[in-house]
Amino acid sequence: MALNFGGIPDELADYQKSPIVILPVPYDETSTWVKGADKGPDAILHASANMELYDIDTDSEVYLKGIHTAAPVTEKSSPDAMVAAVRQKVKGYLNDQKFVVTLGGEHSVTIGAVDAYAAHYPGLSVLQIDAHTDLRPEYEGSRFNHASVMARVREWCPYVQVGIRSMDVVEKPFLENDRIFFARDIVGAAPGWIDEVIEKLNYDIYVTIDLDGFDPSILPATGTPEPGGLLYYDVIHLLRKLIVKKNLVGFDVVELCPMEDNKASDFLATKLIYQILSYQFCIKK
C-alpha cells in the first residue's frame, strides 16, 4: 500500500484540498559511486510515518493544511526522458497552484523540476545546498547527469551555492566566486553569512538540497559523502530566515541512499522536509 507523507489519513492527503504535493522520483541511473538513491523516496516516506507531526519551533501541525503524496515518476529509459517526465509533472502541479516538494533519487531529478519552476516564475533564483558544485557541462556523455545539475540551472536562472567542499578542476571556469559559500568558511562561523546568502538571491526562490551537503557524521547515507559538511541547525537557521525574508516557491531533497542499519539519515531527511513546510506554511510573514 502506498504511504502518505507523514502517514496522515487519506482525507488530509486529498489532492484537491492539499496545497502541498510530495513528488517521489526514485531515479538512480547516472550516479557514479554508491548506488541506492532510487530507494531514497520510499525511505523518506516510511520514516515520515514515524515522525511526530507537531512542530515545536512553529507551534504548529502543518499536515492539517493537507499534504498530497503523488504517484512516483518512474521514467528511466534515459536521463533526458526522466527530466522531461519530471518537468511535465511539476508543470501540471504548478498550474494547479500547488507547492511541490520533489524527492530524489539522485540529483539529476532537480533539472526537470527547476526547468518547470523557472518557466512558471520569471525572475526565479536557486539556492543549492550541496557538497559538490555540479557544474560539469556534461558527464559520462550526458548533459543531464547528476554532476551537471547546476550547469543546467545556470542556463535558466541565477543561483547561490552553499556548503561546497568538492569539485573537479574542469568546473573552475564556471564558478561564480561571489555566489559560492564554501563549507570551510561557514561551518562554525558567526551567522552573518546567512544574511549574505539571502541578499544574493532574488525574491522567488527554489531550494535544492543534496543531502551530502550535511556532514557525514550526521548523515552518512548518501552516495558521495564528503567530510567537513554542514550541521542540521546550520541549514535550518538559513532556511528559516530565507522563508521569512523571501518567497520560497518549491524545493527538493535528493541523494539519500538508505542504509539498513542507519535510519537516522532517513529521519533527518524527513524531519528537514517537514520543518521547511512548517516554516513555509505556519510562520506569519
C-alpha atoms as a PDB file:
ATOM      1  CA  MET A   1       0.000   0.000   0.000  1.00  0.00           C
ATOM      2  CA  ALA A   2       1.320   3.455  -0.910  1.00  0.00           C
ATOM      3  CA  LEU A   3       2.251   5.648   2.026  1.00  0.00           C
ATOM      4  CA  ASN A   4       1.134   9.225   2.519  1.00  0.00           C
ATOM      5  CA  PHE A   5       3.896  11.551   3.700  1.00  0.00           C
ATOM      6  CA  GLY A   6       3.623  11.678   7.483  1.00  0.00           C
ATOM      7  CA  GLY A   7       1.385   8.629   7.494  1.00  0.00           C
ATOM      8  CA  ILE A   8      -1.528  11.049   7.520  1.00  0.00           C
ATOM      9  CA  PRO A   9      -5.146   9.991   6.906  1.00  0.00           C
ATOM     10  CA  ASP A  10      -6.326   9.920   3.301  1.00  0.00           C
ATOM     11  CA  GLU A  11      -8.755  12.780   3.891  1.00  0.00           C
ATOM     12  CA  LEU A  12      -5.791  15.058   4.696  1.00  0.00           C
ATOM     13  CA  ALA A  13      -3.905  13.853   1.623  1.00  0.00           C
ATOM     14  CA  ASP A  14      -6.641  14.603  -0.912  1.00  0.00           C
ATOM     15  CA  TYR A  15      -5.155  16.283  -3.979  1.00  0.00           C
ATOM     16  CA  GLN A  16      -7.895  18.858  -4.471  1.00  0.00           C
ATOM     17  CA  LYS A  17      -7.732  20.045  -0.858  1.00  0.00           C
ATOM     18  CA  SER A  18      -3.965  19.925  -0.333  1.00  0.00           C
ATOM     19  CA  PRO A  19      -1.742  22.947  -1.059  1.00  0.00           C
ATOM     20  CA  ILE A  20       1.358  20.725  -0.848  1.00  0.00           C
ATOM     21  CA  VAL A  21       2.371  17.915  -3.210  1.00  0.00           C
ATOM     22  CA  ILE A  22       5.142  15.443  -2.426  1.00  0.00           C
ATOM     23  CA  LEU A  23       6.532  14.059  -5.704  1.00  0.00           C
ATOM     24  CA  PRO A  24       8.796  10.985  -5.400  1.00  0.00           C
ATOM     25  CA  VAL A  25      11.269  10.388  -8.216  1.00  0.00           C
ATOM     26  CA  PRO A  26      13.098   7.096  -7.493  1.00  0.00           C
ATOM     27  CA  TYR A  27      15.758   7.558 -10.175  1.00  0.00           C
ATOM     28  CA  ASP A  28      19.385   6.451  -9.879  1.00  0.00           C
ATOM     29  CA  GLU A  29      20.741   5.860 -13.372  1.00  0.00           C
ATOM     30  CA  THR A  30      23.640   8.357 -13.630  1.00  0.00           C
ATOM     31  CA  SER A  31      25.199   8.148 -10.160  1.00  0.00           C
ATOM     32  CA  THR A  32      28.831   7.114 -10.286  1.00  0.00           C
ATOM     33  CA  TRP A  33      29.754   5.628  -6.923  1.00  0.00           C
ATOM     34  CA  VAL A  34      27.384   4.278  -4.265  1.00  0.00           C
ATOM     35  CA  LYS A  35      24.067   3.227  -5.787  1.00  0.00           C
ATOM     36  CA  GLY A  36      20.755   3.261  -3.931  1.00  0.00           C
ATOM     37  CA  ALA A  37      19.338   6.775  -4.314  1.00  0.00           C
ATOM     38  CA  ASP A  38      16.334   5.247  -6.101  1.00  0.00           C
ATOM     39  CA  LYS A  39      15.332   3.850  -2.692  1.00  0.00           C
ATOM     40  CA  GLY A  40      15.525   7.287  -1.072  1.00  0.00           C
ATOM     41  CA  PRO A  41      11.923   8.429  -1.622  1.00  0.00           C
ATOM     42  CA  ASP A  42      10.457   5.265  -0.096  1.00  0.00           C
ATOM     43  CA  ALA A  43      12.822   5.513   2.864  1.00  0.00           C
ATOM     44  CA  ILE A  44      11.717   9.100   3.468  1.00  0.00           C
ATOM     45  CA  LEU A  45       8.045   8.174   3.265  1.00  0.00           C
ATOM     46  CA  HIS A  46       8.490   5.253   5.671  1.00  0.00           C
ATOM     47  CA  ALA A  47      10.444   7.407   8.132  1.00  0.00           C
ATOM     48  CA  SER A  48       7.786  10.115   7.911  1.00  0.00           C
ATOM     49  CA  ALA A  49       5.155   7.687   9.161  1.00  0.00           C
ATOM     50  CA  ASN A  50       7.109   7.553  12.436  1.00  0.00           C
ATOM     51  CA  MET A  51       7.564  11.305  12.812  1.00  0.00           C
ATOM     52  CA  GLU A  52       5.792  13.464  15.387  1.00  0.00           C
ATOM     53  CA  LEU A  53       3.522  15.802  13.439  1.00  0.00           C
ATOM     54  CA  TYR A  54       3.605  18.657  15.935  1.00  0.00           C
ATOM     55  CA  ASP A  55       6.410  21.114  15.205  1.00  0.00           C
ATOM     56  CA  ILE A  56       7.901  22.726  18.309  1.00  0.00           C
ATOM     57  CA  ASP A  57       9.616  25.611  16.508  1.00  0.00           C
ATOM     58  CA  THR A  58       6.442  26.957  14.901  1.00  0.00           C
ATOM     59  CA  ASP A  59       3.901  25.602  17.423  1.00  0.00           C
ATOM     60  CA  SER A  60       2.001  24.111  14.505  1.00  0.00           C
ATOM     61  CA  GLU A  61       0.775  20.975  12.731  1.00  0.00           C
ATOM     62  CA  VAL A  62       1.321  21.761   9.066  1.00  0.00           C
ATOM     63  CA  TYR A  63      -0.101  18.397   7.912  1.00  0.00           C
ATOM     64  CA  LEU A  64      -3.570  19.657   8.849  1.00  0.00           C
ATOM     65  CA  LYS A  65      -3.382  22.024   5.874  1.00  0.00           C
ATOM     66  CA  GLY A  66      -3.159  18.996   3.559  1.00  0.00           C
ATOM     67  CA  ILE A  67      -0.169  17.144   2.072  1.00  0.00           C
ATOM     68  CA  HIS A  68      -0.789  15.028  -1.008  1.00  0.00           C
ATOM     69  CA  THR A  69       1.708  12.307  -1.885  1.00  0.00           C
ATOM     70  CA  ALA A  70       1.736  11.804  -5.646  1.00  0.00           C
ATOM     71  CA  ALA A  71       2.430   8.629  -7.544  1.00  0.00           C
ATOM     72  CA  PRO A  72       6.162   8.383  -8.266  1.00  0.00           C
ATOM     73  CA  VAL A  73       7.741   9.349 -11.564  1.00  0.00           C
ATOM     74  CA  THR A  74       9.179   6.045 -12.757  1.00  0.00           C
ATOM     75  CA  GLU A  75      10.525   7.019 -16.183  1.00  0.00           C
ATOM     76  CA  LYS A  76      14.118   5.810 -16.520  1.00  0.00           C
ATOM     77  CA  SER A  77      14.617   4.942 -20.175  1.00  0.00           C
ATOM     78  CA  SER A  78      17.143   7.791 -20.433  1.00  0.00           C
ATOM     79  CA  PRO A  79      18.212  10.847 -18.403  1.00  0.00           C
ATOM     80  CA  ASP A  80      16.537  13.103 -20.992  1.00  0.00           C
ATOM     81  CA  ALA A  81      13.246  11.205 -20.696  1.00  0.00           C
ATOM     82  CA  MET A  82      13.325  11.322 -16.898  1.00  0.00           C
ATOM     83  CA  VAL A  83      13.965  15.071 -16.897  1.00  0.00           C
ATOM     84  CA  ALA A  84      11.094  15.610 -19.348  1.00  0.00           C
ATOM     85  CA  ALA A  85       8.736  13.486 -17.225  1.00  0.00           C
ATOM     86  CA  VAL A  86       9.586  15.399 -14.043  1.00  0.00           C
ATOM     87  CA  ARG A  87       9.224  18.730 -15.842  1.00  0.00           C
ATOM     88  CA  GLN A  88       5.775  17.775 -17.113  1.00  0.00           C
ATOM     89  CA  LYS A  89       4.555  16.582 -13.716  1.00  0.00           C
ATOM     90  CA  VAL A  90       5.815  19.638 -11.870  1.00  0.00           C
ATOM     91  CA  LYS A  91       4.412  21.961 -14.523  1.00  0.00           C
ATOM     92  CA  GLY A  92       0.968  20.420 -14.038  1.00  0.00           C
ATOM     93  CA  TYR A  93       1.115  20.835 -10.273  1.00  0.00           C
ATOM     94  CA  LEU A  94       2.224  24.456 -10.588  1.00  0.00           C
ATOM     95  CA  ASN A  95      -0.663  25.144 -12.959  1.00  0.00           C
ATOM     96  CA  ASP A  96      -2.906  23.783 -10.188  1.00  0.00           C
ATOM     97  CA  GLN A  97      -1.220  26.206  -7.756  1.00  0.00           C
ATOM     98  CA  LYS A  98       0.463  23.523  -5.687  1.00  0.00           C
ATOM     99  CA  PHE A  99       3.665  23.834  -3.673  1.00  0.00           C
ATOM    100  CA  VAL A 100       5.805  20.943  -4.917  1.00  0.00           C
ATOM    101  CA  VAL A 101       8.415  19.028  -2.911  1.00  0.00           C
ATOM    102  CA  THR A 102      10.401  16.691  -5.175  1.00  0.00           C
ATOM    103  CA  LEU A 103      12.035  13.681  -3.521  1.00  0.00           C
ATOM    104  CA  GLY A 104      15.080  12.135  -5.186  1.00  0.00           C
ATOM    105  CA  GLY A 105      16.555   9.916  -6.306  1.00  0.00           C
ATOM    106  CA  GLU A 106      19.830  11.274  -7.495  1.00  0.00           C
ATOM    107  CA  HIS A 107      20.390  14.979  -8.028  1.00  0.00           C
ATOM    108  CA  SER A 108      19.586  14.913 -11.740  1.00  0.00           C
ATOM    109  CA  VAL A 109      15.864  14.855 -10.855  1.00  0.00           C
ATOM    110  CA  THR A 110      16.276  18.515  -9.909  1.00  0.00           C
ATOM    111  CA  ILE A 111      16.821  19.531 -13.528  1.00  0.00           C
ATOM    112  CA  GLY A 112      13.250  18.888 -14.644  1.00  0.00           C
ATOM    113  CA  ALA A 113      11.791  20.477 -11.525  1.00  0.00           C
ATOM    114  CA  VAL A 114      13.818  23.690 -11.832  1.00  0.00           C
ATOM    115  CA  ASP A 115      13.060  23.906 -15.550  1.00  0.00           C
ATOM    116  CA  ALA A 116       9.331  23.884 -14.751  1.00  0.00           C
ATOM    117  CA  TYR A 117       9.703  26.371 -11.901  1.00  0.00           C
ATOM    118  CA  ALA A 118      11.870  28.776 -13.916  1.00  0.00           C
ATOM    119  CA  ALA A 119       9.225  28.876 -16.650  1.00  0.00           C
ATOM    120  CA  HIS A 120       6.467  29.461 -14.092  1.00  0.00           C
ATOM    121  CA  TYR A 121       8.300  32.101 -12.029  1.00  0.00           C
ATOM    122  CA  PRO A 122      10.164  34.687 -14.140  1.00  0.00           C
ATOM    123  CA  GLY A 123      12.987  36.059 -12.023  1.00  0.00           C
ATOM    124  CA  LEU A 124      13.455  32.807 -10.110  1.00  0.00           C
ATOM    125  CA  SER A 125      16.746  32.149  -8.338  1.00  0.00           C
ATOM    126  CA  VAL A 126      18.002  28.870  -6.897  1.00  0.00           C
ATOM    127  CA  LEU A 127      19.695  28.119  -3.587  1.00  0.00           C
ATOM    128  CA  GLN A 128      21.813  24.965  -3.788  1.00  0.00           C
ATOM    129  CA  ILE A 129      22.860  23.241  -0.551  1.00  0.00           C
ATOM    130  CA  ASP A 130      25.453  20.652  -1.545  1.00  0.00           C
ATOM    131  CA  ALA A 131      28.967  19.312  -1.055  1.00  0.00           C
ATOM    132  CA  HIS A 132      29.638  19.492  -4.795  1.00  0.00           C
ATOM    133  CA  THR A 133      29.431  22.279  -7.355  1.00  0.00           C
ATOM    134  CA  ASP A 134      27.752  20.050 -10.007  1.00  0.00           C
ATOM    135  CA  LEU A 135      28.896  22.390 -12.783  1.00  0.00           C
ATOM    136  CA  ARG A 136      30.290  19.945 -15.334  1.00  0.00           C
ATOM    137  CA  PRO A 137      28.811  20.892 -18.734  1.00  0.00           C
ATOM    138  CA  GLU A 138      28.248  17.167 -19.231  1.00  0.00           C
ATOM    139  CA  TYR A 139      29.446  13.965 -17.636  1.00  0.00           C
ATOM    140  CA  GLU A 140      29.744  10.449 -19.000  1.00  0.00           C
ATOM    141  CA  GLY A 141      28.100  11.561 -22.229  1.00  0.00           C
ATOM    142  CA  SER A 142      25.014  13.190 -20.706  1.00  0.00           C
ATOM    143  CA  ARG A 143      24.028  16.806 -20.105  1.00  0.00           C
ATOM    144  CA  PHE A 144      21.518  15.516 -17.557  1.00  0.00           C
ATOM    145  CA  ASN A 145      23.968  13.746 -15.277  1.00  0.00           C
ATOM    146  CA  HIS A 146      23.861  14.279 -11.525  1.00  0.00           C
ATOM    147  CA  ALA A 147      27.230  16.049 -11.863  1.00  0.00           C
ATOM    148  CA  SER A 148      25.749  18.579 -14.319  1.00  0.00           C
ATOM    149  CA  VAL A 149      22.706  19.801 -12.392  1.00  0.00           C
ATOM    150  CA  MET A 150      23.855  23.359 -11.776  1.00  0.00           C
ATOM    151  CA  ALA A 151      25.282  23.628 -15.290  1.00  0.00           C
ATOM    152  CA  ARG A 152      21.691  23.241 -16.489  1.00  0.00           C
ATOM    153  CA  VAL A 153      20.235  25.507 -13.789  1.00  0.00           C
ATOM    154  CA  ARG A 154      22.605  28.345 -14.728  1.00  0.00           C
ATOM    155  CA  GLU A 155      21.051  28.293 -18.230  1.00  0.00           C
ATOM    156  CA  TRP A 156      17.702  29.384 -16.743  1.00  0.00           C
ATOM    157  CA  CYS A 157      18.348  31.433 -13.626  1.00  0.00           C
ATOM    158  CA  PRO A 158      20.912  32.754 -11.139  1.00  0.00           C
ATOM    159  CA  TYR A 159      21.884  30.630  -8.159  1.00  0.00           C
ATOM    160  CA  VAL A 160      23.845  30.622  -4.903  1.00  0.00           C
ATOM    161  CA  GLN A 161      25.842  27.604  -3.710  1.00  0.00           C
ATOM    162  CA  VAL A 162      26.221  26.766  -0.006  1.00  0.00           C
ATOM    163  CA  GLY A 163      28.277  24.086   1.716  1.00  0.00           C
ATOM    164  CA  ILE A 164      30.599  23.365  -1.219  1.00  0.00           C
ATOM    165  CA  ARG A 165      33.779  21.423  -0.473  1.00  0.00           C
ATOM    166  CA  SER A 166      34.423  19.243  -3.529  1.00  0.00           C
ATOM    167  CA  MET A 167      34.746  19.868  -7.267  1.00  0.00           C
ATOM    168  CA  ASP A 168      36.684  18.911 -10.393  1.00  0.00           C
ATOM    169  CA  VAL A 169      39.155  21.293 -11.989  1.00  0.00           C
ATOM    170  CA  VAL A 170      37.042  21.392 -15.188  1.00  0.00           C
ATOM    171  CA  GLU A 171      34.367  23.217 -13.190  1.00  0.00           C
ATOM    172  CA  LYS A 172      36.604  26.124 -12.143  1.00  0.00           C
ATOM    173  CA  PRO A 173      35.836  28.330 -15.175  1.00  0.00           C
ATOM    174  CA  PHE A 174      32.138  28.199 -14.312  1.00  0.00           C
ATOM    175  CA  LEU A 175      32.430  29.235 -10.657  1.00  0.00           C
ATOM    176  CA  GLU A 176      30.808  32.499  -9.643  1.00  0.00           C
ATOM    177  CA  ASN A 177      33.051  33.351  -6.728  1.00  0.00           C
ATOM    178  CA  ASP A 178      30.729  35.982  -5.279  1.00  0.00           C
ATOM    179  CA  ARG A 179      27.873  33.449  -5.196  1.00  0.00           C
ATOM    180  CA  ILE A 180      29.567  30.461  -3.581  1.00  0.00           C
ATOM    181  CA  PHE A 181      29.870  29.809   0.164  1.00  0.00           C
ATOM    182  CA  PHE A 182      32.441  27.128   0.848  1.00  0.00           C
ATOM    183  CA  ALA A 183      31.837  24.926   3.868  1.00  0.00           C
ATOM    184  CA  ARG A 184      35.268  25.800   5.271  1.00  0.00           C
ATOM    185  CA  ASP A 185      34.181  29.448   5.553  1.00  0.00           C
ATOM    186  CA  ILE A 186      30.762  28.987   7.152  1.00  0.00           C
ATOM    187  CA  VAL A 187      30.819  25.891   9.379  1.00  0.00           C
ATOM    188  CA  GLY A 188      31.269  27.183  12.924  1.00  0.00           C
ATOM    189  CA  ALA A 189      31.336  30.802  11.730  1.00  0.00           C
ATOM    190  CA  ALA A 190      29.244  33.678  13.046  1.00  0.00           C
ATOM    191  CA  PRO A 191      25.754  33.637  11.469  1.00  0.00           C
ATOM    192  CA  GLY A 192      26.354  36.735   9.337  1.00  0.00           C
ATOM    193  CA  TRP A 193      26.952  34.516   6.307  1.00  0.00           C
ATOM    194  CA  ILE A 194      23.245  33.645   6.284  1.00  0.00           C
ATOM    195  CA  ASP A 195      22.293  37.250   5.558  1.00  0.00           C
ATOM    196  CA  GLU A 196      24.909  37.375   2.797  1.00  0.00           C
ATOM    197  CA  VAL A 197      23.403  34.293   1.138  1.00  0.00           C
ATOM    198  CA  ILE A 198      19.890  35.683   1.295  1.00  0.00           C
ATOM    199  CA  GLU A 199      20.914  39.086  -0.067  1.00  0.00           C
ATOM    200  CA  LYS A 200      22.298  37.451  -3.217  1.00  0.00           C
ATOM    201  CA  LEU A 201      19.014  35.698  -4.036  1.00  0.00           C
ATOM    202  CA  ASN A 202      16.014  37.094  -5.889  1.00  0.00           C
ATOM    203  CA  TYR A 203      12.591  37.255  -4.255  1.00  0.00           C
ATOM    204  CA  ASP A 204      11.202  33.988  -5.678  1.00  0.00           C
ATOM    205  CA  ILE A 205      13.433  31.116  -4.639  1.00  0.00           C
ATOM    206  CA  TYR A 206      13.676  27.404  -5.319  1.00  0.00           C
ATOM    207  CA  VAL A 207      15.898  25.382  -2.981  1.00  0.00           C
ATOM    208  CA  THR A 208      17.680  22.184  -3.984  1.00  0.00           C
ATOM    209  CA  ILE A 209      19.123  20.196  -1.091  1.00  0.00           C
ATOM    210  CA  ASP A 210      21.622  17.473  -1.868  1.00  0.00           C
ATOM    211  CA  LEU A 211      21.897  15.602   1.425  1.00  0.00           C
ATOM    212  CA  ASP A 212      25.648  15.245   1.030  1.00  0.00           C
ATOM    213  CA  GLY A 213      25.711  18.932   1.948  1.00  0.00           C
ATOM    214  CA  PHE A 214      25.384  17.693   5.532  1.00  0.00           C
ATOM    215  CA  ASP A 215      28.411  16.379   7.341  1.00  0.00           C
ATOM    216  CA  PRO A 216      28.592  12.567   7.103  1.00  0.00           C
ATOM    217  CA  SER A 217      28.839  12.392  10.897  1.00  0.00           C
ATOM    218  CA  ILE A 218      25.110  13.178  10.999  1.00  0.00           C
ATOM    219  CA  LEU A 219      24.094  11.897   7.548  1.00  0.00           C
ATOM    220  CA  PRO A 220      26.315   9.110   6.205  1.00  0.00           C
ATOM    221  CA  ALA A 221      23.642   7.571   3.945  1.00  0.00           C
ATOM    222  CA  THR A 222      24.416   9.326   0.696  1.00  0.00           C
ATOM    223  CA  GLY A 223      26.204   8.279  -2.483  1.00  0.00           C
ATOM    224  CA  THR A 224      29.176  10.663  -2.303  1.00  0.00           C
ATOM    225  CA  PRO A 225      29.795  11.665   1.342  1.00  0.00           C
ATOM    226  CA  GLU A 226      32.334  14.435   1.929  1.00  0.00           C
ATOM    227  CA  PRO A 227      33.911  15.392   5.264  1.00  0.00           C
ATOM    228  CA  GLY A 228      33.597  18.882   6.687  1.00  0.00           C
ATOM    229  CA  GLY A 229      29.922  19.474   5.957  1.00  0.00           C
ATOM    230  CA  LEU A 230      27.026  21.440   7.387  1.00  0.00           C
ATOM    231  CA  LEU A 231      25.205  20.514  10.572  1.00  0.00           C
ATOM    232  CA  TYR A 232      21.437  20.422  10.973  1.00  0.00           C
ATOM    233  CA  TYR A 233      20.989  23.826  12.574  1.00  0.00           C
ATOM    234  CA  ASP A 234      23.319  25.494  10.061  1.00  0.00           C
ATOM    235  CA  VAL A 235      20.816  24.537   7.389  1.00  0.00           C
ATOM    236  CA  ILE A 236      17.652  25.095   9.427  1.00  0.00           C
ATOM    237  CA  HIS A 237      18.641  28.606  10.511  1.00  0.00           C
ATOM    238  CA  LEU A 238      19.430  29.520   6.905  1.00  0.00           C
ATOM    239  CA  LEU A 239      16.137  28.172   5.584  1.00  0.00           C
ATOM    240  CA  ARG A 240      14.007  29.711   8.333  1.00  0.00           C
ATOM    241  CA  LYS A 241      15.432  33.172   7.705  1.00  0.00           C
ATOM    242  CA  LEU A 242      15.171  32.737   3.942  1.00  0.00           C
ATOM    243  CA  ILE A 243      11.498  31.780   4.177  1.00  0.00           C
ATOM    244  CA  VAL A 244      10.731  34.804   6.364  1.00  0.00           C
ATOM    245  CA  LYS A 245      12.529  37.269   4.083  1.00  0.00           C
ATOM    246  CA  LYS A 246      11.881  35.825   0.609  1.00  0.00           C
ATOM    247  CA  ASN A 247       9.260  33.804  -1.265  1.00  0.00           C
ATOM    248  CA  LEU A 248      10.072  30.107  -1.269  1.00  0.00           C
ATOM    249  CA  VAL A 249       8.143  28.587  -4.171  1.00  0.00           C
ATOM    250  CA  GLY A 250       9.339  24.969  -4.016  1.00  0.00           C
ATOM    251  CA  PHE A 251      12.208  22.684  -3.075  1.00  0.00           C
ATOM    252  CA  ASP A 252      13.690  19.250  -3.459  1.00  0.00           C
ATOM    253  CA  VAL A 253      15.625  16.849  -1.245  1.00  0.00           C
ATOM    254  CA  VAL A 254      17.853  14.393  -3.089  1.00  0.00           C
ATOM    255  CA  GLU A 255      20.666  11.820  -2.839  1.00  0.00           C
ATOM    256  CA  LEU A 256      19.524   9.795   0.168  1.00  0.00           C
ATOM    257  CA  CYS A 257      21.000   6.300  -0.211  1.00  0.00           C
ATOM    258  CA  PRO A 258      19.351   4.393   2.636  1.00  0.00           C
ATOM    259  CA  MET A 259      21.449   2.188   4.891  1.00  0.00           C
ATOM    260  CA  GLU A 260      19.746  -0.761   6.548  1.00  0.00           C
ATOM    261  CA  ASP A 261      21.496  -0.148   9.864  1.00  0.00           C
ATOM    262  CA  ASN A 262      21.217   3.665   9.878  1.00  0.00           C
ATOM    263  CA  LYS A 263      17.674   5.003   9.966  1.00  0.00           C
ATOM    264  CA  ALA A 264      18.850   8.328  11.412  1.00  0.00           C
ATOM    265  CA  SER A 265      19.769   9.561   7.925  1.00  0.00           C
ATOM    266  CA  ASP A 266      16.276   8.739   6.625  1.00  0.00           C
ATOM    267  CA  PHE A 267      14.736  10.531   9.568  1.00  0.00           C
ATOM    268  CA  LEU A 268      16.923  13.615   9.179  1.00  0.00           C
ATOM    269  CA  ALA A 269      15.780  13.962   5.575  1.00  0.00           C
ATOM    270  CA  THR A 270      12.156  13.524   6.605  1.00  0.00           C
ATOM    271  CA  LYS A 271      12.349  15.952   9.504  1.00  0.00           C
ATOM    272  CA  LEU A 272      14.075  18.508   7.295  1.00  0.00           C
ATOM    273  CA  ILE A 273      11.214  18.378   4.783  1.00  0.00           C
ATOM    274  CA  TYR A 274       8.560  18.723   7.478  1.00  0.00           C
ATOM    275  CA  GLN A 275      10.470  21.557   9.171  1.00  0.00           C
ATOM    276  CA  ILE A 276      10.680  23.508   5.911  1.00  0.00           C
ATOM    277  CA  LEU A 277       6.954  23.007   5.287  1.00  0.00           C
ATOM    278  CA  SER A 278       6.213  24.168   8.834  1.00  0.00           C
ATOM    279  CA  TYR A 279       8.200  27.358   8.257  1.00  0.00           C
ATOM    280  CA  GLN A 280       6.645  27.930   4.846  1.00  0.00           C
ATOM    281  CA  PHE A 281       3.001  27.456   5.826  1.00  0.00           C
ATOM    282  CA  CYS A 282       2.854  28.219   9.551  1.00  0.00           C
ATOM    283  CA  ILE A 283       5.030  31.299  10.127  1.00  0.00           C
ATOM    284  CA  LYS A 284       3.260  34.628   9.851  1.00  0.00           C
ATOM    285  CA  LYS A 285       5.266  36.847   7.499  1.00  0.00           C
END
